[in-house]
Amino acid sequence: MSDDTGNDNGKVGYKLLATAASLFGAYAARKALQIAWKSATGKQPPANPEHPEVTWAEAVGWAVVSGAVVGVARMAAQRKIASSWHKSTGQLPPGLDSTAA
């Protein structure tokens, strides 16, 4: 536990913002991807890729595309929150190092 209560509140606040942004980004990406999948294939994306009536190609295609798109959307949302935090406070968000590597 830290003696600096403001710093602890900042960590919790940042983590809450980053988590909320990540969840919203993933939700929005999944909805957009469902529309794109339907437009491209003419079918709804597989609700349950494990179902025997879903082909391997369809199941793997959905898993790869949705995983990549949702992952990038979550990362983009978290980067936006980190950038906004840095601009508003002049400091890196709690838990981020000063180097990218």
Protein backbone atom coordinates (compact mmCIF):
# COMPACT_ATOMS: atom_id res chain seq x y z
CA MET A 1 0.00 0.00 0.00
CA SER A 2 1.23 3.43 -0.87
CA ASP A 3 1.24 6.50 1.36
CA ASP A 4 0.39 8.63 -1.69
CA THR A 5 -3.41 8.22 -1.79
CA GLY A 6 -3.74 10.50 -4.83
CA ASN A 7 -1.44 8.22 -6.80
CA ASP A 8 -3.48 5.17 -5.81
CA ASN A 9 -6.67 6.95 -6.89
CA GLY A 10 -5.00 7.84 -10.18
CA LYS A 11 -4.06 4.21 -10.79
CA VAL A 12 -7.59 3.02 -10.07
CA GLY A 13 -9.14 5.79 -12.15
CA TYR A 14 -6.86 5.11 -15.08
CA LYS A 15 -7.46 1.35 -14.92
CA LEU A 16 -11.23 1.92 -14.84
CA LEU A 17 -11.06 4.25 -17.85
CA ALA A 18 -8.80 1.88 -19.79
CA THR A 19 -11.03 -1.11 -19.00
CA ALA A 20 -14.21 0.74 -19.99
CA ALA A 21 -12.61 1.94 -23.23
CA SER A 22 -11.37 -1.56 -23.99
CA LEU A 23 -14.82 -3.09 -23.45
CA PHE A 24 -16.52 -0.41 -25.56
CA GLY A 25 -13.93 -0.78 -28.33
CA ALA A 26 -14.38 -4.55 -28.40
CA TYR A 27 -18.17 -4.24 -28.45
CA ALA A 28 -18.18 -1.67 -31.25
CA ALA A 29 -15.67 -3.69 -33.29
CA ARG A 30 -17.67 -6.89 -32.93
CA LYS A 31 -20.88 -5.15 -34.05
CA ALA A 32 -19.14 -3.58 -37.06
CA LEU A 33 -17.51 -6.90 -37.90
CA GLN A 34 -20.85 -8.72 -37.80
CA ILE A 35 -22.24 -6.25 -40.34
CA ALA A 36 -19.14 -6.57 -42.55
CA TRP A 37 -19.25 -10.39 -42.36
CA LYS A 38 -22.91 -10.44 -43.39
CA SER A 39 -22.18 -8.03 -46.24
CA ALA A 40 -19.19 -10.04 -47.48
CA THR A 41 -20.60 -13.56 -47.11
CA GLY A 42 -24.36 -13.03 -47.26
CA LYS A 43 -24.66 -15.00 -44.00
CA GLN A 44 -24.65 -14.15 -40.33
CA PRO A 45 -21.34 -14.91 -38.61
CA PRO A 46 -21.33 -18.22 -36.77
CA ALA A 47 -22.87 -17.76 -33.32
CA ASN A 48 -21.27 -21.01 -32.21
CA PRO A 49 -18.27 -22.01 -34.36
CA GLU A 50 -18.19 -25.42 -32.63
CA HIS A 51 -21.58 -26.38 -34.06
CA PRO A 52 -21.31 -29.32 -36.50
CA GLU A 53 -23.17 -27.43 -39.24
CA VAL A 54 -20.53 -24.66 -39.27
CA THR A 55 -17.75 -25.47 -41.72
CA TRP A 56 -14.14 -25.47 -40.63
CA ALA A 57 -13.35 -22.66 -43.04
CA GLU A 58 -16.16 -20.52 -41.68
CA ALA A 59 -15.27 -21.24 -38.03
CA VAL A 60 -11.56 -20.56 -38.50
CA GLY A 61 -12.22 -17.51 -40.67
CA TRP A 62 -14.51 -15.99 -38.06
CA ALA A 63 -12.09 -16.78 -35.22
CA VAL A 64 -9.10 -15.23 -37.01
CA VAL A 65 -10.88 -12.13 -38.28
CA SER A 66 -12.85 -11.43 -35.11
CA GLY A 67 -9.85 -12.04 -32.86
CA ALA A 68 -7.66 -9.67 -34.84
CA VAL A 69 -10.28 -6.95 -35.26
CA VAL A 70 -11.41 -7.00 -31.63
CA GLY A 71 -7.79 -7.09 -30.41
CA VAL A 72 -6.83 -4.07 -32.50
CA ALA A 73 -9.96 -2.17 -31.42
CA ARG A 74 -9.21 -2.80 -27.74
CA MET A 75 -5.60 -1.70 -28.19
CA ALA A 76 -6.67 1.44 -30.07
CA ALA A 77 -9.15 2.35 -27.32
CA GLN A 78 -6.53 1.85 -24.61
CA ARG A 79 -3.98 3.91 -26.56
CA LYS A 80 -6.52 6.73 -26.90
CA ILE A 81 -7.14 6.73 -23.14
CA ALA A 82 -3.37 6.68 -22.46
CA SER A 83 -2.85 9.58 -24.87
CA SER A 84 -5.69 11.59 -23.33
CA TRP A 85 -4.32 10.90 -19.85
CA HIS A 86 -0.87 12.07 -20.91
CA LYS A 87 -2.22 15.25 -22.52
CA SER A 88 -4.42 16.15 -19.55
CA THR A 89 -1.93 15.38 -16.75
CA GLY A 90 1.42 15.85 -18.49
CA GLN A 91 2.47 12.44 -17.16
CA LEU A 92 2.35 8.92 -18.48
CA PRO A 93 -0.54 6.87 -17.14
CA PRO A 94 0.17 4.82 -14.01
CA GLY A 95 1.98 1.60 -14.82
CA LEU A 96 3.36 2.69 -18.19
CA ASP A 97 7.09 2.96 -18.62
CA SER A 98 8.60 5.94 -20.38
CA THR A 99 9.99 3.79 -23.22
CA ALA A 100 8.08 1.85 -25.87
CA ALA A 101 10.44 -1.16 -25.76
